[in-house]
Amino acid sequence: MGAVPHSGAVPQGAAPKKSRRSGPRPKHIPQRMCVACRDHAAKRTLIRLVRTPEGNVEVDPTGKKNGRGAYLCENPACWEKALKTGLLSRALNISLSQETIASLRQHAATLPPPEPVKVGASEEGS
């Protein structure tokens, strides 16, 4: 007798085709965490601090300086918490000098104040 016909659209021995999404692939956005408040955010929205190979700690506006990095929010309260409790020292594996702490506090003073939390419309009518 003859061969039994194969049921289905896929020829025998061939793998089924995978469905493809239409449109371009979404761009990957690197995420980093603030060492003080532990919130995750896009890498470009946080401020990077770097411990250079010479042992200096400085603000890295480009995000590309060589050395060990740590990230902080633009919230001045996060900066104060990181400097006061030693979270930044721990993240960078270095003990910070008083001069370095003073210069980082000066930088934190130039940051914009945090935005107030807005109350949702559903809570106002209650």
PDB file of N, CA and C in Angstrom:
ATOM      1  N   MET A   1       0.814  -1.174   0.000  1.00  0.00           N
ATOM      2  CA  MET A   1       0.000   0.000   0.000  1.00  0.00           C
ATOM      3  C   MET A   1       0.858   1.236   0.000  1.00  0.00           C
ATOM      4  N   GLY A   2       0.207   2.383  -0.231  1.00  0.00           N
ATOM      5  CA  GLY A   2       0.913   3.651  -0.313  1.00  0.00           C
ATOM      6  C   GLY A   2       1.080   4.303   1.052  1.00  0.00           C
ATOM      7  N   ALA A   3       1.806   5.376   1.071  1.00  0.00           N
ATOM      8  CA  ALA A   3       2.067   6.113   2.301  1.00  0.00           C
ATOM      9  C   ALA A   3       0.816   6.844   2.754  1.00  0.00           C
ATOM     10  N   VAL A   4       0.670   6.982   4.057  1.00  0.00           N
ATOM     11  CA  VAL A   4      -0.473   7.695   4.622  1.00  0.00           C
ATOM     12  C   VAL A   4      -0.205   9.189   4.467  1.00  0.00           C
ATOM     13  N   PRO A   5      -1.150   9.960   3.919  1.00  0.00           N
ATOM     14  CA  PRO A   5      -0.915  11.397   3.763  1.00  0.00           C
ATOM     15  C   PRO A   5      -0.818  12.079   5.130  1.00  0.00           C
ATOM     16  N   HIS A   6       0.070  13.048   5.226  1.00  0.00           N
ATOM     17  CA  HIS A   6       0.327  13.804   6.458  1.00  0.00           C
ATOM     18  C   HIS A   6      -0.728  14.885   6.591  1.00  0.00           C
ATOM     19  N   SER A   7      -1.346  14.957   7.751  1.00  0.00           N
ATOM     20  CA  SER A   7      -2.335  16.003   7.959  1.00  0.00           C
ATOM     21  C   SER A   7      -1.652  17.229   8.557  1.00  0.00           C
ATOM     22  N   GLY A   8      -2.023  18.409   8.138  1.00  0.00           N
ATOM     23  CA  GLY A   8      -1.450  19.650   8.645  1.00  0.00           C
ATOM     24  C   GLY A   8      -0.742  20.400   7.535  1.00  0.00           C
ATOM     25  N   ALA A   9      -0.424  21.655   7.792  1.00  0.00           N
ATOM     26  CA  ALA A   9       0.157  22.509   6.769  1.00  0.00           C
ATOM     27  C   ALA A   9       1.673  22.373   6.684  1.00  0.00           C
ATOM     28  N   VAL A  10       2.294  21.818   7.713  1.00  0.00           N
ATOM     29  CA  VAL A  10       3.749  21.732   7.746  1.00  0.00           C
ATOM     30  C   VAL A  10       4.186  20.431   7.083  1.00  0.00           C
ATOM     31  N   PRO A  11       5.112  20.505   6.114  1.00  0.00           N
ATOM     32  CA  PRO A  11       5.596  19.268   5.504  1.00  0.00           C
ATOM     33  C   PRO A  11       6.272  18.393   6.555  1.00  0.00           C
ATOM     34  N   GLN A  12       6.220  17.089   6.332  1.00  0.00           N
ATOM     35  CA  GLN A  12       6.778  16.154   7.294  1.00  0.00           C
ATOM     36  C   GLN A  12       8.283  16.375   7.410  1.00  0.00           C
ATOM     37  N   GLY A  13       8.785  16.485   8.669  1.00  0.00           N
ATOM     38  CA  GLY A  13      10.213  16.670   8.903  1.00  0.00           C
ATOM     39  C   GLY A  13      10.623  18.131   9.022  1.00  0.00           C
ATOM     40  N   ALA A  14       9.752  19.059   8.666  1.00  0.00           N
ATOM     41  CA  ALA A  14      10.092  20.484   8.748  1.00  0.00           C
ATOM     42  C   ALA A  14       9.549  21.063  10.058  1.00  0.00           C
ATOM     43  N   ALA A  15      10.270  22.010  10.622  1.00  0.00           N
ATOM     44  CA  ALA A  15       9.853  22.662  11.862  1.00  0.00           C
ATOM     45  C   ALA A  15       8.806  23.723  11.550  1.00  0.00           C
ATOM     46  N   PRO A  16       7.847  23.934  12.450  1.00  0.00           N
ATOM     47  CA  PRO A  16       6.860  24.994  12.214  1.00  0.00           C
ATOM     48  C   PRO A  16       7.528  26.373  12.288  1.00  0.00           C
ATOM     49  N   LYS A  17       7.012  27.303  11.507  1.00  0.00           N
ATOM     50  CA  LYS A  17       7.577  28.656  11.484  1.00  0.00           C
ATOM     51  C   LYS A  17       7.183  29.400  12.755  1.00  0.00           C
ATOM     52  N   LYS A  18       8.110  30.208  13.269  1.00  0.00           N
ATOM     53  CA  LYS A  18       7.831  31.031  14.446  1.00  0.00           C
ATOM     54  C   LYS A  18       7.129  32.306  13.991  1.00  0.00           C
ATOM     55  N   SER A  19       6.192  32.747  14.786  1.00  0.00           N
ATOM     56  CA  SER A  19       5.509  33.994  14.444  1.00  0.00           C
ATOM     57  C   SER A  19       6.428  35.166  14.776  1.00  0.00           C
ATOM     58  N   ARG A  20       6.386  36.171  13.950  1.00  0.00           N
ATOM     59  CA  ARG A  20       7.235  37.353  14.153  1.00  0.00           C
ATOM     60  C   ARG A  20       6.368  38.537  14.519  1.00  0.00           C
ATOM     61  N   ARG A  21       6.927  39.370  15.377  1.00  0.00           N
ATOM     62  CA  ARG A  21       6.235  40.596  15.732  1.00  0.00           C
ATOM     63  C   ARG A  21       6.435  41.606  14.619  1.00  0.00           C
ATOM     64  N   SER A  22       5.452  42.436  14.452  1.00  0.00           N
ATOM     65  CA  SER A  22       5.601  43.487  13.458  1.00  0.00           C
ATOM     66  C   SER A  22       6.265  44.696  14.106  1.00  0.00           C
ATOM     67  N   GLY A  23       7.028  45.422  13.355  1.00  0.00           N
ATOM     68  CA  GLY A  23       7.671  46.635  13.845  1.00  0.00           C
ATOM     69  C   GLY A  23       9.055  46.384  14.404  1.00  0.00           C
ATOM     70  N   PRO A  24       9.770  47.458  14.702  1.00  0.00           N
ATOM     71  CA  PRO A  24      11.139  47.315  15.212  1.00  0.00           C
ATOM     72  C   PRO A  24      11.158  46.839  16.659  1.00  0.00           C
ATOM     73  N   ARG A  25      12.270  46.292  17.024  1.00  0.00           N
ATOM     74  CA  ARG A  25      12.464  45.809  18.388  1.00  0.00           C
ATOM     75  C   ARG A  25      12.605  47.018  19.324  1.00  0.00           C
ATOM     76  N   PRO A  26      11.982  46.983  20.511  1.00  0.00           N
ATOM     77  CA  PRO A  26      12.112  48.133  21.414  1.00  0.00           C
ATOM     78  C   PRO A  26      13.558  48.291  21.909  1.00  0.00           C
ATOM     79  N   LYS A  27      13.984  49.532  22.051  1.00  0.00           N
ATOM     80  CA  LYS A  27      15.347  49.830  22.485  1.00  0.00           C
ATOM     81  C   LYS A  27      15.534  49.470  23.946  1.00  0.00           C
ATOM     82  N   HIS A  28      16.652  48.807  24.260  1.00  0.00           N
ATOM     83  CA  HIS A  28      16.968  48.441  25.641  1.00  0.00           C
ATOM     84  C   HIS A  28      17.431  49.677  26.401  1.00  0.00           C
ATOM     85  N   ILE A  29      16.838  49.925  27.565  1.00  0.00           N
ATOM     86  CA  ILE A  29      17.227  51.060  28.404  1.00  0.00           C
ATOM     87  C   ILE A  29      17.861  50.505  29.667  1.00  0.00           C
ATOM     88  N   PRO A  30      19.174  50.761  29.873  1.00  0.00           N
ATOM     89  CA  PRO A  30      19.837  50.235  31.068  1.00  0.00           C
ATOM     90  C   PRO A  30      19.234  50.816  32.346  1.00  0.00           C
ATOM     91  N   GLN A  31      19.060  49.974  33.341  1.00  0.00           N
ATOM     92  CA  GLN A  31      18.502  50.379  34.626  1.00  0.00           C
ATOM     93  C   GLN A  31      19.593  50.338  35.688  1.00  0.00           C
ATOM     94  N   ARG A  32      19.575  51.300  36.607  1.00  0.00           N
ATOM     95  CA  ARG A  32      20.502  51.330  37.737  1.00  0.00           C
ATOM     96  C   ARG A  32      19.705  51.635  38.999  1.00  0.00           C
ATOM     97  N   MET A  33      20.324  51.434  40.161  1.00  0.00           N
ATOM     98  CA  MET A  33      19.641  51.628  41.431  1.00  0.00           C
ATOM     99  C   MET A  33      20.343  52.704  42.247  1.00  0.00           C
ATOM    100  N   CYS A  34      19.563  53.588  42.844  1.00  0.00           N
ATOM    101  CA  CYS A  34      20.089  54.602  43.751  1.00  0.00           C
ATOM    102  C   CYS A  34      20.552  53.890  45.018  1.00  0.00           C
ATOM    103  N   VAL A  35      21.788  54.186  45.478  1.00  0.00           N
ATOM    104  CA  VAL A  35      22.322  53.497  46.652  1.00  0.00           C
ATOM    105  C   VAL A  35      21.617  53.926  47.940  1.00  0.00           C
ATOM    106  N   ALA A  36      20.933  55.072  47.933  1.00  0.00           N
ATOM    107  CA  ALA A  36      20.275  55.563  49.146  1.00  0.00           C
ATOM    108  C   ALA A  36      18.833  55.079  49.246  1.00  0.00           C
ATOM    109  N   CYS A  37      18.004  55.378  48.246  1.00  0.00           N
ATOM    110  CA  CYS A  37      16.580  55.036  48.334  1.00  0.00           C
ATOM    111  C   CYS A  37      16.256  53.695  47.692  1.00  0.00           C
ATOM    112  N   ARG A  38      17.205  53.083  46.992  1.00  0.00           N
ATOM    113  CA  ARG A  38      17.075  51.765  46.375  1.00  0.00           C
ATOM    114  C   ARG A  38      16.026  51.725  45.266  1.00  0.00           C
ATOM    115  N   ASP A  39      15.655  52.887  44.706  1.00  0.00           N
ATOM    116  CA  ASP A  39      14.735  52.928  43.567  1.00  0.00           C
ATOM    117  C   ASP A  39      15.494  52.636  42.293  1.00  0.00           C
ATOM    118  N   HIS A  40      14.865  51.895  41.380  1.00  0.00           N
ATOM    119  CA  HIS A  40      15.449  51.630  40.077  1.00  0.00           C
ATOM    120  C   HIS A  40      14.970  52.697  39.110  1.00  0.00           C
ATOM    121  N   ALA A  41      15.877  53.150  38.254  1.00  0.00           N
ATOM    122  CA  ALA A  41      15.528  54.147  37.253  1.00  0.00           C
ATOM    123  C   ALA A  41      16.462  53.982  36.060  1.00  0.00           C
ATOM    124  N   ALA A  42      16.155  54.680  34.980  1.00  0.00           N
ATOM    125  CA  ALA A  42      17.018  54.641  33.811  1.00  0.00           C
ATOM    126  C   ALA A  42      18.391  55.215  34.173  1.00  0.00           C
ATOM    127  N   LYS A  43      19.423  54.610  33.644  1.00  0.00           N
ATOM    128  CA  LYS A  43      20.800  54.989  33.966  1.00  0.00           C
ATOM    129  C   LYS A  43      21.044  56.481  33.734  1.00  0.00           C
ATOM    130  N   ARG A  44      20.487  57.029  32.671  1.00  0.00           N
ATOM    131  CA  ARG A  44      20.724  58.436  32.327  1.00  0.00           C
ATOM    132  C   ARG A  44      20.027  59.405  33.273  1.00  0.00           C
ATOM    133  N   THR A  45      19.031  58.949  34.022  1.00  0.00           N
ATOM    134  CA  THR A  45      18.324  59.862  34.930  1.00  0.00           C
ATOM    135  C   THR A  45      18.997  59.946  36.297  1.00  0.00           C
ATOM    136  N   LEU A  46      19.918  59.033  36.595  1.00  0.00           N
ATOM    137  CA  LEU A  46      20.628  59.052  37.876  1.00  0.00           C
ATOM    138  C   LEU A  46      21.990  59.723  37.705  1.00  0.00           C
ATOM    139  N   ILE A  47      22.578  60.133  38.811  1.00  0.00           N
ATOM    140  CA  ILE A  47      23.893  60.779  38.803  1.00  0.00           C
ATOM    141  C   ILE A  47      24.925  59.754  39.238  1.00  0.00           C
ATOM    142  N   ARG A  48      25.958  59.585  38.411  1.00  0.00           N
ATOM    143  CA  ARG A  48      26.999  58.605  38.716  1.00  0.00           C
ATOM    144  C   ARG A  48      28.137  59.272  39.476  1.00  0.00           C
ATOM    145  N   LEU A  49      28.548  58.612  40.546  1.00  0.00           N
ATOM    146  CA  LEU A  49      29.737  59.006  41.286  1.00  0.00           C
ATOM    147  C   LEU A  49      30.761  57.926  41.040  1.00  0.00           C
ATOM    148  N   VAL A  50      32.004  58.314  40.856  1.00  0.00           N
ATOM    149  CA  VAL A  50      33.036  57.344  40.506  1.00  0.00           C
ATOM    150  C   VAL A  50      34.229  57.470  41.437  1.00  0.00           C
ATOM    151  N   ARG A  51      34.778  56.317  41.816  1.00  0.00           N
ATOM    152  CA  ARG A  51      36.057  56.274  42.532  1.00  0.00           C
ATOM    153  C   ARG A  51      37.105  56.019  41.464  1.00  0.00           C
ATOM    154  N   THR A  52      37.921  57.009  41.209  1.00  0.00           N
ATOM    155  CA  THR A  52      38.930  56.891  40.158  1.00  0.00           C
ATOM    156  C   THR A  52      40.027  55.926  40.587  1.00  0.00           C
ATOM    157  N   PRO A  53      40.828  55.442  39.642  1.00  0.00           N
ATOM    158  CA  PRO A  53      41.944  54.557  40.005  1.00  0.00           C
ATOM    159  C   PRO A  53      42.933  55.206  40.971  1.00  0.00           C
ATOM    160  N   GLU A  54      42.988  56.543  41.003  1.00  0.00           N
ATOM    161  CA  GLU A  54      43.875  57.255  41.936  1.00  0.00           C
ATOM    162  C   GLU A  54      43.276  57.310  43.339  1.00  0.00           C
ATOM    163  N   GLY A  55      41.996  56.948  43.502  1.00  0.00           N
ATOM    164  CA  GLY A  55      41.371  56.958  44.817  1.00  0.00           C
ATOM    165  C   GLY A  55      40.519  58.180  45.099  1.00  0.00           C
ATOM    166  N   ASN A  56      40.311  59.052  44.125  1.00  0.00           N
ATOM    167  CA  ASN A  56      39.461  60.230  44.303  1.00  0.00           C
ATOM    168  C   ASN A  56      38.012  59.859  44.005  1.00  0.00           C
ATOM    169  N   VAL A  57      37.082  60.517  44.686  1.00  0.00           N
ATOM    170  CA  VAL A  57      35.660  60.326  44.415  1.00  0.00           C
ATOM    171  C   VAL A  57      35.147  61.618  43.807  1.00  0.00           C
ATOM    172  N   GLU A  58      34.508  61.496  42.639  1.00  0.00           N
ATOM    173  CA  GLU A  58      34.012  62.686  41.948  1.00  0.00           C
ATOM    174  C   GLU A  58      32.741  62.362  41.192  1.00  0.00           C
ATOM    175  N   VAL A  59      31.996  63.411  40.838  1.00  0.00           N
ATOM    176  CA  VAL A  59      30.779  63.273  40.055  1.00  0.00           C
ATOM    177  C   VAL A  59      31.183  63.007  38.612  1.00  0.00           C
ATOM    178  N   ASP A  60      30.510  62.067  37.971  1.00  0.00           N
ATOM    179  CA  ASP A  60      30.799  61.693  36.585  1.00  0.00           C
ATOM    180  C   ASP A  60      29.604  62.061  35.707  1.00  0.00           C
ATOM    181  N   PRO A  61      29.583  63.274  35.139  1.00  0.00           N
ATOM    182  CA  PRO A  61      28.424  63.678  34.337  1.00  0.00           C
ATOM    183  C   PRO A  61      28.269  62.883  33.044  1.00  0.00           C
ATOM    184  N   THR A  62      29.360  62.352  32.496  1.00  0.00           N
ATOM    185  CA  THR A  62      29.282  61.592  31.246  1.00  0.00           C
ATOM    186  C   THR A  62      28.875  60.147  31.483  1.00  0.00           C
ATOM    187  N   GLY A  63      29.152  59.618  32.675  1.00  0.00           N
ATOM    188  CA  GLY A  63      28.855  58.227  32.967  1.00  0.00           C
ATOM    189  C   GLY A  63      29.846  57.257  32.360  1.00  0.00           C
ATOM    190  N   LYS A  64      30.991  57.772  31.898  1.00  0.00           N
ATOM    191  CA  LYS A  64      31.958  56.925  31.198  1.00  0.00           C
ATOM    192  C   LYS A  64      33.350  56.921  31.810  1.00  0.00           C
ATOM    193  N   LYS A  65      33.533  57.632  32.913  1.00  0.00           N
ATOM    194  CA  LYS A  65      34.863  57.682  33.511  1.00  0.00           C
ATOM    195  C   LYS A  65      35.270  56.303  34.010  1.00  0.00           C
ATOM    196  N   ASN A  66      36.568  56.067  33.988  1.00  0.00           N
ATOM    197  CA  ASN A  66      37.108  54.802  34.432  1.00  0.00           C
ATOM    198  C   ASN A  66      37.100  54.740  35.959  1.00  0.00           C
ATOM    199  N   GLY A  67      36.657  53.633  36.504  1.00  0.00           N
ATOM    200  CA  GLY A  67      36.662  53.446  37.947  1.00  0.00           C
ATOM    201  C   GLY A  67      35.369  52.834  38.439  1.00  0.00           C
ATOM    202  N   ARG A  68      35.306  52.583  39.732  1.00  0.00           N
ATOM    203  CA  ARG A  68      34.121  51.984  40.341  1.00  0.00           C
ATOM    204  C   ARG A  68      33.045  53.044  40.508  1.00  0.00           C
ATOM    205  N   GLY A  69      31.829  52.733  40.088  1.00  0.00           N
ATOM    206  CA  GLY A  69      30.757  53.714  40.111  1.00  0.00           C
ATOM    207  C   GLY A  69      29.638  53.356  41.064  1.00  0.00           C
ATOM    208  N   ALA A  70      28.910  54.382  41.473  1.00  0.00           N
ATOM    209  CA  ALA A  70      27.698  54.242  42.275  1.00  0.00           C
ATOM    210  C   ALA A  70      26.733  55.322  41.795  1.00  0.00           C
ATOM    211  N   TYR A  71      25.448  55.072  41.947  1.00  0.00           N
ATOM    212  CA  TYR A  71      24.440  55.987  41.431  1.00  0.00           C
ATOM    213  C   TYR A  71      23.575  56.541  42.552  1.00  0.00           C
ATOM    214  N   LEU A  72      23.215  57.831  42.398  1.00  0.00           N
ATOM    215  CA  LEU A  72      22.310  58.507  43.330  1.00  0.00           C
ATOM    216  C   LEU A  72      21.247  59.254  42.539  1.00  0.00           C
ATOM    217  N   CYS A  73      20.055  59.383  43.132  1.00  0.00           N
ATOM    218  CA  CYS A  73      18.967  60.177  42.543  1.00  0.00           C
ATOM    219  C   CYS A  73      19.355  61.651  42.541  1.00  0.00           C
ATOM    220  N   GLU A  74      18.513  62.452  41.923  1.00  0.00           N
ATOM    221  CA  GLU A  74      18.704  63.900  41.979  1.00  0.00           C
ATOM    222  C   GLU A  74      18.086  64.490  43.236  1.00  0.00           C
ATOM    223  N   ASN A  75      17.558  63.660  44.100  1.00  0.00           N
ATOM    224  CA  ASN A  75      16.928  64.106  45.337  1.00  0.00           C
ATOM    225  C   ASN A  75      18.017  64.437  46.367  1.00  0.00           C
ATOM    226  N   PRO A  76      18.094  65.685  46.849  1.00  0.00           N
ATOM    227  CA  PRO A  76      19.115  66.035  47.842  1.00  0.00           C
ATOM    228  C   PRO A  76      19.038  65.196  49.123  1.00  0.00           C
ATOM    229  N   ALA A  77      17.850  64.706  49.483  1.00  0.00           N
ATOM    230  CA  ALA A  77      17.720  63.862  50.675  1.00  0.00           C
ATOM    231  C   ALA A  77      18.469  62.541  50.492  1.00  0.00           C
ATOM    232  N   CYS A  78      18.473  62.013  49.277  1.00  0.00           N
ATOM    233  CA  CYS A  78      19.222  60.778  49.003  1.00  0.00           C
ATOM    234  C   CYS A  78      20.720  61.028  49.151  1.00  0.00           C
ATOM    235  N   TRP A  79      21.183  62.177  48.689  1.00  0.00           N
ATOM    236  CA  TRP A  79      22.610  62.506  48.818  1.00  0.00           C
ATOM    237  C   TRP A  79      22.999  62.608  50.285  1.00  0.00           C
ATOM    238  N   GLU A  80      22.167  63.297  51.076  1.00  0.00           N
ATOM    239  CA  GLU A  80      22.477  63.464  52.493  1.00  0.00           C
ATOM    240  C   GLU A  80      22.483  62.113  53.207  1.00  0.00           C
ATOM    241  N   LYS A  81      21.513  61.277  52.890  1.00  0.00           N
ATOM    242  CA  LYS A  81      21.447  59.950  53.514  1.00  0.00           C
ATOM    243  C   LYS A  81      22.681  59.113  53.142  1.00  0.00           C
ATOM    244  N   ALA A  82      23.074  59.152  51.878  1.00  0.00           N
ATOM    245  CA  ALA A  82      24.219  58.359  51.416  1.00  0.00           C
ATOM    246  C   ALA A  82      25.516  58.824  52.065  1.00  0.00           C
ATOM    247  N   LEU A  83      25.661  60.130  52.262  1.00  0.00           N
ATOM    248  CA  LEU A  83      26.885  60.663  52.871  1.00  0.00           C
ATOM    249  C   LEU A  83      26.879  60.488  54.382  1.00  0.00           C
ATOM    250  N   LYS A  84      25.721  60.667  55.012  1.00  0.00           N
ATOM    251  CA  LYS A  84      25.629  60.619  56.466  1.00  0.00           C
ATOM    252  C   LYS A  84      25.754  59.195  57.015  1.00  0.00           C
ATOM    253  N   THR A  85      25.130  58.230  56.349  1.00  0.00           N
ATOM    254  CA  THR A  85      25.103  56.866  56.863  1.00  0.00           C
ATOM    255  C   THR A  85      26.241  55.993  56.342  1.00  0.00           C
ATOM    256  N   GLY A  86      27.039  56.503  55.421  1.00  0.00           N
ATOM    257  CA  GLY A  86      28.155  55.720  54.896  1.00  0.00           C
ATOM    258  C   GLY A  86      27.780  54.786  53.757  1.00  0.00           C
ATOM    259  N   LEU A  87      26.570  54.937  53.211  1.00  0.00           N
ATOM    260  CA  LEU A  87      26.159  54.079  52.098  1.00  0.00           C
ATOM    261  C   LEU A  87      27.050  54.288  50.874  1.00  0.00           C
ATOM    262  N   LEU A  88      27.432  55.528  50.623  1.00  0.00           N
ATOM    263  CA  LEU A  88      28.283  55.817  49.471  1.00  0.00           C
ATOM    264  C   LEU A  88      29.682  55.240  49.665  1.00  0.00           C
ATOM    265  N   SER A  89      30.214  55.347  50.864  1.00  0.00           N
ATOM    266  CA  SER A  89      31.526  54.760  51.158  1.00  0.00           C
ATOM    267  C   SER A  89      31.507  53.258  50.911  1.00  0.00           C
ATOM    268  N   ARG A  90      30.441  52.613  51.350  1.00  0.00           N
ATOM    269  CA  ARG A  90      30.322  51.167  51.186  1.00  0.00           C
ATOM    270  C   ARG A  90      30.189  50.788  49.709  1.00  0.00           C
ATOM    271  N   ALA A  91      29.408  51.567  48.954  1.00  0.00           N
ATOM    272  CA  ALA A  91      29.195  51.264  47.545  1.00  0.00           C
ATOM    273  C   ALA A  91      30.472  51.439  46.723  1.00  0.00           C
ATOM    274  N   LEU A  92      31.301  52.403  47.116  1.00  0.00           N
ATOM    275  CA  LEU A  92      32.540  52.664  46.376  1.00  0.00           C
ATOM    276  C   LEU A  92      33.757  51.961  46.966  1.00  0.00           C
ATOM    277  N   ASN A  93      33.589  51.264  48.075  1.00  0.00           N
ATOM    278  CA  ASN A  93      34.682  50.548  48.746  1.00  0.00           C
ATOM    279  C   ASN A  93      35.853  51.470  49.080  1.00  0.00           C
ATOM    280  N   ILE A  94      35.536  52.603  49.697  1.00  0.00           N
ATOM    281  CA  ILE A  94      36.568  53.566  50.081  1.00  0.00           C
ATOM    282  C   ILE A  94      36.029  54.390  51.248  1.00  0.00           C
ATOM    283  N   SER A  95      36.915  54.832  52.136  1.00  0.00           N
ATOM    284  CA  SER A  95      36.451  55.738  53.182  1.00  0.00           C
ATOM    285  C   SER A  95      36.620  57.166  52.657  1.00  0.00           C
ATOM    286  N   LEU A  96      35.548  57.934  52.761  1.00  0.00           N
ATOM    287  CA  LEU A  96      35.537  59.288  52.210  1.00  0.00           C
ATOM    288  C   LEU A  96      36.159  60.269  53.189  1.00  0.00           C
ATOM    289  N   SER A  97      36.997  61.156  52.657  1.00  0.00           N
ATOM    290  CA  SER A  97      37.588  62.202  53.490  1.00  0.00           C
ATOM    291  C   SER A  97      36.559  63.307  53.727  1.00  0.00           C
ATOM    292  N   GLN A  98      36.819  64.138  54.728  1.00  0.00           N
ATOM    293  CA  GLN A  98      35.909  65.245  55.025  1.00  0.00           C
ATOM    294  C   GLN A  98      35.836  66.230  53.863  1.00  0.00           C
ATOM    295  N   GLU A  99      36.955  66.426  53.152  1.00  0.00           N
ATOM    296  CA  GLU A  99      36.957  67.336  51.996  1.00  0.00           C
ATOM    297  C   GLU A  99      36.068  66.794  50.879  1.00  0.00           C
ATOM    298  N   THR A 100      36.133  65.485  50.647  1.00  0.00           N
ATOM    299  CA  THR A 100      35.308  64.871  49.607  1.00  0.00           C
ATOM    300  C   THR A 100      33.836  64.966  49.969  1.00  0.00           C
ATOM    301  N   ILE A 101      33.510  64.692  51.228  1.00  0.00           N
ATOM    302  CA  ILE A 101      32.118  64.786  51.679  1.00  0.00           C
ATOM    303  C   ILE A 101      31.609  66.211  51.523  1.00  0.00           C
ATOM    304  N   ALA A 102      32.446  67.194  51.864  1.00  0.00           N
ATOM    305  CA  ALA A 102      32.047  68.602  51.733  1.00  0.00           C
ATOM    306  C   ALA A 102      31.798  68.965  50.268  1.00  0.00           C
ATOM    307  N   SER A 103      32.655  68.511  49.358  1.00  0.00           N
ATOM    308  CA  SER A 103      32.470  68.840  47.941  1.00  0.00           C
ATOM    309  C   SER A 103      31.225  68.149  47.377  1.00  0.00           C
ATOM    310  N   LEU A 104      30.934  66.928  47.829  1.00  0.00           N
ATOM    311  CA  LEU A 104      29.726  66.239  47.361  1.00  0.00           C
ATOM    312  C   LEU A 104      28.471  66.897  47.925  1.00  0.00           C
ATOM    313  N   ARG A 105      28.543  67.410  49.150  1.00  0.00           N
ATOM    314  CA  ARG A 105      27.402  68.141  49.713  1.00  0.00           C
ATOM    315  C   ARG A 105      27.162  69.442  48.956  1.00  0.00           C
ATOM    316  N   GLN A 106      28.252  70.096  48.523  1.00  0.00           N
ATOM    317  CA  GLN A 106      28.101  71.314  47.716  1.00  0.00           C
ATOM    318  C   GLN A 106      27.396  70.984  46.398  1.00  0.00           C
ATOM    319  N   HIS A 107      27.769  69.868  45.790  1.00  0.00           N
ATOM    320  CA  HIS A 107      27.111  69.469  44.544  1.00  0.00           C
ATOM    321  C   HIS A 107      25.632  69.167  44.796  1.00  0.00           C
ATOM    322  N   ALA A 108      25.324  68.504  45.911  1.00  0.00           N
ATOM    323  CA  ALA A 108      23.934  68.180  46.246  1.00  0.00           C
ATOM    324  C   ALA A 108      23.110  69.444  46.454  1.00  0.00           C
ATOM    325  N   ALA A 109      23.743  70.501  46.947  1.00  0.00           N
ATOM    326  CA  ALA A 109      23.031  71.764  47.178  1.00  0.00           C
ATOM    327  C   ALA A 109      22.615  72.417  45.864  1.00  0.00           C
ATOM    328  N   THR A 110      23.288  72.096  44.768  1.00  0.00           N
ATOM    329  CA  THR A 110      22.953  72.683  43.468  1.00  0.00           C
ATOM    330  C   THR A 110      21.826  71.933  42.765  1.00  0.00           C
ATOM    331  N   LEU A 111      21.425  70.780  43.301  1.00  0.00           N
ATOM    332  CA  LEU A 111      20.369  69.988  42.672  1.00  0.00           C
ATOM    333  C   LEU A 111      19.014  70.635  42.897  1.00  0.00           C
ATOM    334  N   PRO A 112      18.081  70.436  41.953  1.00  0.00           N
ATOM    335  CA  PRO A 112      16.742  71.018  42.141  1.00  0.00           C
ATOM    336  C   PRO A 112      16.009  70.331  43.286  1.00  0.00           C
ATOM    337  N   PRO A 113      15.123  71.056  43.979  1.00  0.00           N
ATOM    338  CA  PRO A 113      14.371  70.432  45.071  1.00  0.00           C
ATOM    339  C   PRO A 113      13.443  69.351  44.513  1.00  0.00           C
ATOM    340  N   PRO A 114      13.117  68.346  45.327  1.00  0.00           N
ATOM    341  CA  PRO A 114      12.239  67.281  44.839  1.00  0.00           C
ATOM    342  C   PRO A 114      10.845  67.807  44.539  1.00  0.00           C
ATOM    343  N   GLU A 115      10.194  67.174  43.546  1.00  0.00           N
ATOM    344  CA  GLU A 115       8.839  67.586  43.185  1.00  0.00           C
ATOM    345  C   GLU A 115       7.863  67.096  44.246  1.00  0.00           C
ATOM    346  N   PRO A 116       6.867  67.928  44.598  1.00  0.00           N
ATOM    347  CA  PRO A 116       5.887  67.477  45.590  1.00  0.00           C
ATOM    348  C   PRO A 116       5.035  66.350  45.030  1.00  0.00           C
ATOM    349  N   VAL A 117       4.582  65.481  45.910  1.00  0.00           N
ATOM    350  CA  VAL A 117       3.746  64.350  45.513  1.00  0.00           C
ATOM    351  C   VAL A 117       2.352  64.881  45.234  1.00  0.00           C
ATOM    352  N   LYS A 118       1.823  64.541  44.051  1.00  0.00           N
ATOM    353  CA  LYS A 118       0.486  65.005  43.679  1.00  0.00           C
ATOM    354  C   LYS A 118      -0.563  64.006  44.157  1.00  0.00           C
ATOM    355  N   VAL A 119      -1.665  64.533  44.654  1.00  0.00           N
ATOM    356  CA  VAL A 119      -2.755  63.694  45.115  1.00  0.00           C
ATOM    357  C   VAL A 119      -3.607  63.337  43.898  1.00  0.00           C
ATOM    358  N   GLY A 120      -3.971  62.070  43.770  1.00  0.00           N
ATOM    359  CA  GLY A 120      -4.781  61.621  42.630  1.00  0.00           C
ATOM    360  C   GLY A 120      -6.178  62.178  42.693  1.00  0.00           C
ATOM    361  N   ALA A 121      -6.865  62.238  41.551  1.00  0.00           N
ATOM    362  CA  ALA A 121      -8.223  62.784  41.456  1.00  0.00           C
ATOM    363  C   ALA A 121      -9.222  61.925  42.201  1.00  0.00           C
ATOM    364  N   SER A 122      -8.966  60.622  42.315  1.00  0.00           N
ATOM    365  CA  SER A 122      -9.914  59.735  42.997  1.00  0.00           C
ATOM    366  C   SER A 122      -9.922  59.984  44.504  1.00  0.00           C
ATOM    367  N   GLU A 123      -8.828  60.476  45.063  1.00  0.00           N
ATOM    368  CA  GLU A 123      -8.755  60.707  46.501  1.00  0.00           C
ATOM    369  C   GLU A 123      -9.324  62.062  46.899  1.00  0.00           C
ATOM    370  N   GLU A 124      -9.366  63.031  45.957  1.00  0.00           N
ATOM    371  CA  GLU A 124      -9.845  64.360  46.283  1.00  0.00           C
ATOM    372  C   GLU A 124     -11.333  64.389  46.567  1.00  0.00           C
ATOM    373  N   GLY A 125     -12.133  63.559  45.890  1.00  0.00           N
ATOM    374  CA  GLY A 125     -13.577  63.586  46.040  1.00  0.00           C
ATOM    375  C   GLY A 125     -14.068  62.858  47.278  1.00  0.00           C
ATOM    376  N   SER A 126     -13.237  62.183  48.020  1.00  0.00           N
ATOM    377  CA  SER A 126     -13.684  61.395  49.176  1.00  0.00           C
ATOM    378  C   SER A 126     -13.965  62.217  50.379  1.00  0.00           C
TER     379      SER A 126
END
